[in-house]
Amino acid sequence: MKSFVRKTTPPFGATAGVDITPLLDVVFQLLLFFILTSAILQPGIELELPESDQSNESLEADLVISADKEGRVFFNDKIVSPENIETALRSFAVQNSNGNVILRVDSAASYGKFFSILDASRKVGIKNLHLAYEEK
């Protein structure tokens, strides 16, 4: 017996399947989102700066020195040991003789830490030292 079942083929040789183009679009958008947000949301140094009534001028800093209430000192978000503060400042002063340095010290930090950074910057000859503060 002969069977008369006709095989049907889709037109133009197309085969049935799932189109993954929209899925790839979504995956690439999610990847781009996570790459951008991870670059923007880098952890910073949490400081509570002292307040002042004066207006805060904005200037471009070549070096930002931060000291938190635990006594840690950071040079542009990189931690520096207390013994190496003067050495790091000296190497900066050699490279940038007229560079702007901003000193950010937490209001709860000890006065001794603030003074040791200030004294080290005077010893190495940094001329453009600015103190950071919050406006009231």
N, C-alpha and C. Protein backbone atom coordinates (compact mmCIF):
# COMPACT_ATOMS: atom_id res chain seq x y z
N MET A 1 0.81 -1.17 0.00
CA MET A 1 0.00 0.00 0.00
C MET A 1 0.85 1.24 0.00
N LYS A 2 0.43 2.08 -0.78
CA LYS A 2 1.16 3.31 -0.93
C LYS A 2 0.47 4.41 -0.15
N SER A 3 1.29 5.18 0.58
CA SER A 3 0.75 6.26 1.39
C SER A 3 0.88 7.57 0.64
N PHE A 4 -0.16 8.36 0.70
CA PHE A 4 -0.15 9.64 0.01
C PHE A 4 -0.07 10.80 1.01
N VAL A 5 0.93 10.76 1.87
CA VAL A 5 1.14 11.86 2.82
C VAL A 5 2.12 12.82 2.18
N ARG A 6 1.71 14.00 2.13
CA ARG A 6 2.51 15.01 1.48
C ARG A 6 3.36 15.75 2.52
N LYS A 7 4.63 15.84 2.24
CA LYS A 7 5.52 16.57 3.13
C LYS A 7 5.41 18.05 2.79
N THR A 8 5.17 18.83 3.85
CA THR A 8 5.07 20.28 3.63
C THR A 8 6.37 20.92 4.06
N THR A 9 6.87 21.76 3.25
CA THR A 9 8.08 22.51 3.58
C THR A 9 7.73 23.98 3.60
N PRO A 10 8.36 24.73 4.51
CA PRO A 10 8.10 26.16 4.55
C PRO A 10 8.64 26.82 3.28
N PRO A 11 8.09 27.95 2.93
CA PRO A 11 8.54 28.63 1.71
C PRO A 11 9.96 29.15 1.85
N PHE A 12 10.66 29.15 0.77
CA PHE A 12 12.01 29.69 0.64
C PHE A 12 13.01 29.00 1.56
N GLY A 13 12.82 27.83 1.94
CA GLY A 13 13.77 27.07 2.72
C GLY A 13 13.87 27.48 4.19
N ALA A 14 12.94 28.26 4.70
CA ALA A 14 12.99 28.68 6.10
C ALA A 14 12.61 27.52 7.00
N THR A 15 13.22 27.47 8.14
CA THR A 15 12.90 26.43 9.09
C THR A 15 12.28 27.05 10.33
N ALA A 16 11.53 26.28 11.02
CA ALA A 16 10.88 26.76 12.23
C ALA A 16 11.91 26.84 13.35
N GLY A 17 11.87 27.88 14.19
CA GLY A 17 12.80 28.03 15.29
C GLY A 17 12.48 29.28 16.08
N VAL A 18 13.26 29.50 17.08
CA VAL A 18 13.07 30.66 17.95
C VAL A 18 14.08 31.72 17.56
N ASP A 19 13.60 32.93 17.38
CA ASP A 19 14.47 34.05 17.04
C ASP A 19 15.07 34.59 18.33
N ILE A 20 16.39 34.57 18.45
CA ILE A 20 17.03 35.01 19.70
C ILE A 20 17.57 36.43 19.62
N THR A 21 17.28 37.15 18.55
CA THR A 21 17.76 38.52 18.42
C THR A 21 17.25 39.42 19.53
N PRO A 22 15.95 39.40 19.87
CA PRO A 22 15.50 40.24 20.99
C PRO A 22 16.16 39.85 22.33
N LEU A 23 16.41 38.57 22.51
CA LEU A 23 17.07 38.12 23.73
C LEU A 23 18.49 38.67 23.81
N LEU A 24 19.21 38.64 22.70
CA LEU A 24 20.56 39.19 22.68
C LEU A 24 20.56 40.70 22.93
N ASP A 25 19.55 41.41 22.41
CA ASP A 25 19.45 42.85 22.65
C ASP A 25 19.30 43.13 24.15
N VAL A 26 18.46 42.37 24.80
CA VAL A 26 18.24 42.56 26.24
C VAL A 26 19.50 42.22 27.02
N VAL A 27 20.19 41.16 26.66
CA VAL A 27 21.41 40.77 27.36
C VAL A 27 22.48 41.84 27.21
N PHE A 28 22.65 42.38 26.02
CA PHE A 28 23.64 43.43 25.81
C PHE A 28 23.28 44.72 26.56
N GLN A 29 22.00 45.05 26.64
CA GLN A 29 21.59 46.22 27.39
C GLN A 29 21.85 46.04 28.88
N LEU A 30 21.57 44.86 29.41
CA LEU A 30 21.86 44.60 30.82
C LEU A 30 23.36 44.63 31.09
N LEU A 31 24.14 44.07 30.21
CA LEU A 31 25.59 44.10 30.36
C LEU A 31 26.11 45.53 30.36
N LEU A 32 25.64 46.34 29.45
CA LEU A 32 26.04 47.74 29.38
C LEU A 32 25.63 48.49 30.64
N PHE A 33 24.42 48.23 31.14
CA PHE A 33 23.93 48.87 32.37
C PHE A 33 24.85 48.55 33.55
N PHE A 34 25.19 47.28 33.73
CA PHE A 34 26.01 46.90 34.87
C PHE A 34 27.45 47.40 34.75
N ILE A 35 27.97 47.47 33.55
CA ILE A 35 29.31 48.01 33.36
C ILE A 35 29.34 49.49 33.71
N LEU A 36 28.36 50.23 33.25
CA LEU A 36 28.34 51.67 33.52
C LEU A 36 28.08 51.98 34.99
N THR A 37 27.17 51.27 35.62
CA THR A 37 26.89 51.56 37.03
C THR A 37 28.04 51.14 37.93
N SER A 38 28.74 50.08 37.58
CA SER A 38 29.88 49.70 38.42
C SER A 38 31.02 50.70 38.28
N ALA A 39 31.16 51.33 37.13
CA ALA A 39 32.20 52.34 36.94
C ALA A 39 31.85 53.63 37.68
N ILE A 40 30.58 53.97 37.74
CA ILE A 40 30.16 55.21 38.36
C ILE A 40 30.10 55.07 39.88
N LEU A 41 29.64 53.96 40.38
CA LEU A 41 29.42 53.79 41.81
C LEU A 41 30.61 53.16 42.51
N GLN A 42 31.79 53.69 42.28
CA GLN A 42 32.94 53.20 43.01
C GLN A 42 32.86 53.69 44.44
N PRO A 43 33.25 52.85 45.37
CA PRO A 43 33.14 53.28 46.76
C PRO A 43 34.08 54.44 47.05
N GLY A 44 33.57 55.45 47.71
CA GLY A 44 34.37 56.61 48.05
C GLY A 44 34.70 56.62 49.52
N ILE A 45 35.38 57.63 49.93
CA ILE A 45 35.75 57.79 51.33
C ILE A 45 34.67 58.63 51.99
N GLU A 46 34.02 58.06 52.98
CA GLU A 46 32.94 58.75 53.68
C GLU A 46 33.53 59.67 54.74
N LEU A 47 33.35 60.97 54.55
CA LEU A 47 33.84 61.95 55.49
C LEU A 47 32.73 62.92 55.84
N GLU A 48 32.73 63.36 57.07
CA GLU A 48 31.83 64.44 57.48
C GLU A 48 32.70 65.67 57.69
N LEU A 49 32.70 66.53 56.69
CA LEU A 49 33.57 67.70 56.70
C LEU A 49 33.02 68.77 57.63
N PRO A 50 33.90 69.60 58.19
CA PRO A 50 33.44 70.73 59.01
C PRO A 50 32.62 71.71 58.18
N GLU A 51 31.75 72.45 58.84
CA GLU A 51 30.88 73.39 58.13
C GLU A 51 31.38 74.82 58.30
N SER A 52 31.08 75.64 57.29
CA SER A 52 31.47 77.05 57.31
C SER A 52 30.40 77.87 56.63
N ASP A 53 30.33 79.14 57.00
CA ASP A 53 29.36 80.05 56.38
C ASP A 53 29.84 80.58 55.03
N GLN A 54 31.12 80.46 54.76
CA GLN A 54 31.66 80.99 53.53
C GLN A 54 31.31 80.11 52.35
N SER A 55 31.29 80.72 51.16
CA SER A 55 30.99 79.94 49.96
C SER A 55 32.19 79.09 49.61
N ASN A 56 31.92 77.94 49.09
CA ASN A 56 32.96 76.97 48.76
C ASN A 56 33.35 77.15 47.30
N GLU A 57 34.60 77.53 47.05
CA GLU A 57 35.06 77.70 45.67
C GLU A 57 35.41 76.32 45.10
N SER A 58 35.11 76.14 43.85
CA SER A 58 35.46 74.87 43.21
C SER A 58 36.71 75.07 42.38
N LEU A 59 37.68 74.20 42.61
CA LEU A 59 38.90 74.26 41.84
C LEU A 59 39.34 72.85 41.51
N GLU A 60 40.13 72.74 40.49
CA GLU A 60 40.60 71.44 40.04
C GLU A 60 41.80 71.03 40.88
N ALA A 61 41.71 69.87 41.50
CA ALA A 61 42.77 69.41 42.39
C ALA A 61 43.66 68.41 41.68
N ASP A 62 44.95 68.56 41.89
CA ASP A 62 45.91 67.59 41.38
C ASP A 62 46.08 66.45 42.36
N LEU A 63 45.84 66.72 43.64
CA LEU A 63 45.94 65.71 44.68
C LEU A 63 44.90 66.01 45.74
N VAL A 64 44.17 64.98 46.16
CA VAL A 64 43.21 65.12 47.25
C VAL A 64 43.69 64.22 48.39
N ILE A 65 43.96 64.85 49.53
CA ILE A 65 44.37 64.11 50.72
C ILE A 65 43.17 64.05 51.64
N SER A 66 42.79 62.85 52.04
CA SER A 66 41.65 62.66 52.93
C SER A 66 42.09 61.93 54.18
N ALA A 67 41.55 62.36 55.32
CA ALA A 67 41.82 61.69 56.59
C ALA A 67 40.47 61.42 57.26
N ASP A 68 40.21 60.16 57.59
CA ASP A 68 38.94 59.83 58.21
C ASP A 68 39.07 59.79 59.73
N LYS A 69 37.94 59.54 60.40
CA LYS A 69 37.95 59.58 61.87
C LYS A 69 38.70 58.42 62.50
N GLU A 70 38.96 57.34 61.73
CA GLU A 70 39.75 56.22 62.25
C GLU A 70 41.25 56.49 62.18
N GLY A 71 41.65 57.58 61.54
CA GLY A 71 43.06 57.94 61.45
C GLY A 71 43.73 57.49 60.17
N ARG A 72 42.97 56.92 59.23
CA ARG A 72 43.56 56.51 57.95
C ARG A 72 43.72 57.73 57.05
N VAL A 73 44.79 57.72 56.26
CA VAL A 73 45.07 58.83 55.33
C VAL A 73 45.06 58.27 53.92
N PHE A 74 44.38 58.98 53.02
CA PHE A 74 44.24 58.57 51.63
C PHE A 74 44.79 59.65 50.72
N PHE A 75 45.53 59.24 49.71
CA PHE A 75 45.99 60.12 48.65
C PHE A 75 45.24 59.69 47.39
N ASN A 76 44.29 60.50 46.94
CA ASN A 76 43.45 60.16 45.78
C ASN A 76 42.87 58.75 45.92
N ASP A 77 42.23 58.45 47.01
CA ASP A 77 41.54 57.19 47.29
C ASP A 77 42.48 56.00 47.50
N LYS A 78 43.76 56.22 47.60
CA LYS A 78 44.71 55.14 47.91
C LYS A 78 45.25 55.38 49.30
N ILE A 79 45.17 54.35 50.13
CA ILE A 79 45.58 54.51 51.52
C ILE A 79 47.10 54.62 51.62
N VAL A 80 47.55 55.51 52.51
CA VAL A 80 48.98 55.76 52.72
C VAL A 80 49.24 55.58 54.21
N SER A 81 50.30 54.87 54.54
CA SER A 81 50.64 54.68 55.95
C SER A 81 51.15 56.00 56.53
N PRO A 82 50.98 56.20 57.84
CA PRO A 82 51.42 57.47 58.45
C PRO A 82 52.92 57.75 58.29
N GLU A 83 53.71 56.70 58.19
CA GLU A 83 55.16 56.89 58.04
C GLU A 83 55.51 57.38 56.63
N ASN A 84 54.66 57.11 55.65
CA ASN A 84 54.96 57.44 54.25
C ASN A 84 54.28 58.71 53.76
N ILE A 85 53.64 59.46 54.64
CA ILE A 85 52.92 60.66 54.21
C ILE A 85 53.90 61.69 53.65
N GLU A 86 54.97 61.96 54.37
CA GLU A 86 55.92 62.97 53.92
C GLU A 86 56.62 62.54 52.63
N THR A 87 56.93 61.25 52.51
CA THR A 87 57.58 60.75 51.30
C THR A 87 56.65 60.88 50.09
N ALA A 88 55.38 60.54 50.28
CA ALA A 88 54.42 60.66 49.18
C ALA A 88 54.21 62.12 48.79
N LEU A 89 54.16 63.00 49.78
CA LEU A 89 54.01 64.42 49.48
C LEU A 89 55.24 64.97 48.77
N ARG A 90 56.41 64.51 49.15
CA ARG A 90 57.64 64.97 48.51
C ARG A 90 57.67 64.55 47.04
N SER A 91 57.30 63.30 46.77
CA SER A 91 57.29 62.86 45.36
C SER A 91 56.25 63.62 44.55
N PHE A 92 55.12 63.97 45.17
CA PHE A 92 54.12 64.78 44.47
C PHE A 92 54.66 66.18 44.21
N ALA A 93 55.33 66.78 45.21
CA ALA A 93 55.84 68.14 45.06
C ALA A 93 56.92 68.23 44.00
N VAL A 94 57.70 67.16 43.83
CA VAL A 94 58.74 67.16 42.80
C VAL A 94 58.09 67.15 41.41
N GLN A 95 57.03 66.35 41.25
CA GLN A 95 56.37 66.24 39.95
C GLN A 95 55.50 67.45 39.63
N ASN A 96 54.81 67.98 40.64
CA ASN A 96 53.87 69.10 40.45
C ASN A 96 54.24 70.22 41.42
N SER A 97 55.14 71.07 41.04
CA SER A 97 55.60 72.10 41.97
C SER A 97 54.50 73.12 42.29
N ASN A 98 53.61 73.41 41.36
CA ASN A 98 52.53 74.36 41.59
C ASN A 98 51.17 73.69 41.56
N GLY A 99 51.11 72.41 41.90
CA GLY A 99 49.84 71.68 41.87
C GLY A 99 48.94 72.04 43.04
N ASN A 100 47.64 71.96 42.80
CA ASN A 100 46.65 72.22 43.84
C ASN A 100 46.43 70.97 44.66
N VAL A 101 46.51 71.12 45.98
CA VAL A 101 46.27 70.02 46.91
C VAL A 101 45.08 70.40 47.78
N ILE A 102 44.10 69.50 47.85
CA ILE A 102 42.95 69.73 48.70
C ILE A 102 43.04 68.77 49.87
N LEU A 103 42.93 69.31 51.07
CA LEU A 103 42.99 68.52 52.30
C LEU A 103 41.57 68.37 52.84
N ARG A 104 41.09 67.13 52.88
CA ARG A 104 39.76 66.81 53.40
C ARG A 104 39.95 66.01 54.68
N VAL A 105 39.55 66.57 55.80
CA VAL A 105 39.70 65.90 57.08
C VAL A 105 38.33 65.81 57.73
N ASP A 106 37.98 64.62 58.20
CA ASP A 106 36.71 64.41 58.88
C ASP A 106 36.66 65.28 60.14
N SER A 107 35.49 65.83 60.43
CA SER A 107 35.37 66.71 61.60
C SER A 107 35.58 65.94 62.91
N ALA A 108 35.41 64.62 62.89
CA ALA A 108 35.63 63.82 64.09
C ALA A 108 37.06 63.29 64.20
N ALA A 109 37.89 63.59 63.22
CA ALA A 109 39.29 63.13 63.24
C ALA A 109 40.07 63.93 64.28
N SER A 110 41.18 63.36 64.72
CA SER A 110 41.98 64.04 65.74
C SER A 110 42.72 65.23 65.11
N TYR A 111 42.93 66.23 65.93
CA TYR A 111 43.65 67.42 65.48
C TYR A 111 45.09 67.06 65.16
N GLY A 112 45.64 66.08 65.84
CA GLY A 112 47.01 65.67 65.60
C GLY A 112 47.20 65.13 64.20
N LYS A 113 46.23 64.37 63.68
CA LYS A 113 46.31 63.84 62.32
C LYS A 113 46.28 64.98 61.31
N PHE A 114 45.38 65.93 61.53
CA PHE A 114 45.29 67.10 60.65
C PHE A 114 46.61 67.86 60.65
N PHE A 115 47.15 68.09 61.84
CA PHE A 115 48.38 68.87 61.96
C PHE A 115 49.58 68.14 61.37
N SER A 116 49.62 66.82 61.49
CA SER A 116 50.76 66.08 60.92
C SER A 116 50.77 66.16 59.39
N ILE A 117 49.60 66.12 58.77
CA ILE A 117 49.52 66.27 57.31
C ILE A 117 49.90 67.69 56.90
N LEU A 118 49.39 68.66 57.64
CA LEU A 118 49.69 70.06 57.35
C LEU A 118 51.18 70.34 57.51
N ASP A 119 51.78 69.80 58.57
CA ASP A 119 53.21 70.00 58.82
C ASP A 119 54.06 69.33 57.73
N ALA A 120 53.68 68.13 57.31
CA ALA A 120 54.42 67.42 56.26
C ALA A 120 54.34 68.18 54.94
N SER A 121 53.19 68.76 54.64
CA SER A 121 53.06 69.51 53.39
C SER A 121 53.89 70.79 53.42
N ARG A 122 54.03 71.40 54.58
CA ARG A 122 54.88 72.59 54.68
C ARG A 122 56.36 72.22 54.53
N LYS A 123 56.75 71.08 55.09
CA LYS A 123 58.15 70.66 55.01
C LYS A 123 58.60 70.41 53.57
N VAL A 124 57.72 69.83 52.76
CA VAL A 124 58.11 69.50 51.39
C VAL A 124 57.90 70.67 50.44
N GLY A 125 57.29 71.75 50.90
CA GLY A 125 57.17 72.96 50.08
C GLY A 125 55.94 73.03 49.21
N ILE A 126 54.84 72.41 49.62
CA ILE A 126 53.59 72.54 48.85
C ILE A 126 53.00 73.92 49.13
N LYS A 127 52.76 74.67 48.05
CA LYS A 127 52.31 76.05 48.19
C LYS A 127 50.80 76.21 48.09
N ASN A 128 50.16 75.39 47.29
CA ASN A 128 48.73 75.53 47.03
C ASN A 128 47.94 74.48 47.78
N LEU A 129 47.85 74.63 49.09
CA LEU A 129 47.10 73.70 49.93
C LEU A 129 45.78 74.34 50.30
N HIS A 130 44.69 73.67 50.00
CA HIS A 130 43.35 74.19 50.26
C HIS A 130 42.62 73.24 51.21
N LEU A 131 41.86 73.81 52.12
CA LEU A 131 41.09 73.01 53.07
C LEU A 131 39.67 72.86 52.57
N ALA A 132 39.16 71.64 52.60
CA ALA A 132 37.79 71.37 52.15
C ALA A 132 36.83 71.48 53.32
N TYR A 133 35.65 72.01 53.05
CA TYR A 133 34.60 72.15 54.06
C TYR A 133 33.25 72.13 53.38
N GLU A 134 32.22 71.97 54.18
CA GLU A 134 30.84 71.98 53.70
C GLU A 134 30.23 73.36 53.98
N GLU A 135 29.37 73.80 53.08
CA GLU A 135 28.64 75.05 53.32
C GLU A 135 27.45 74.78 54.23
N LYS A 136 27.18 75.74 55.12
CA LYS A 136 26.03 75.60 56.02
C LYS A 136 24.75 75.86 55.26
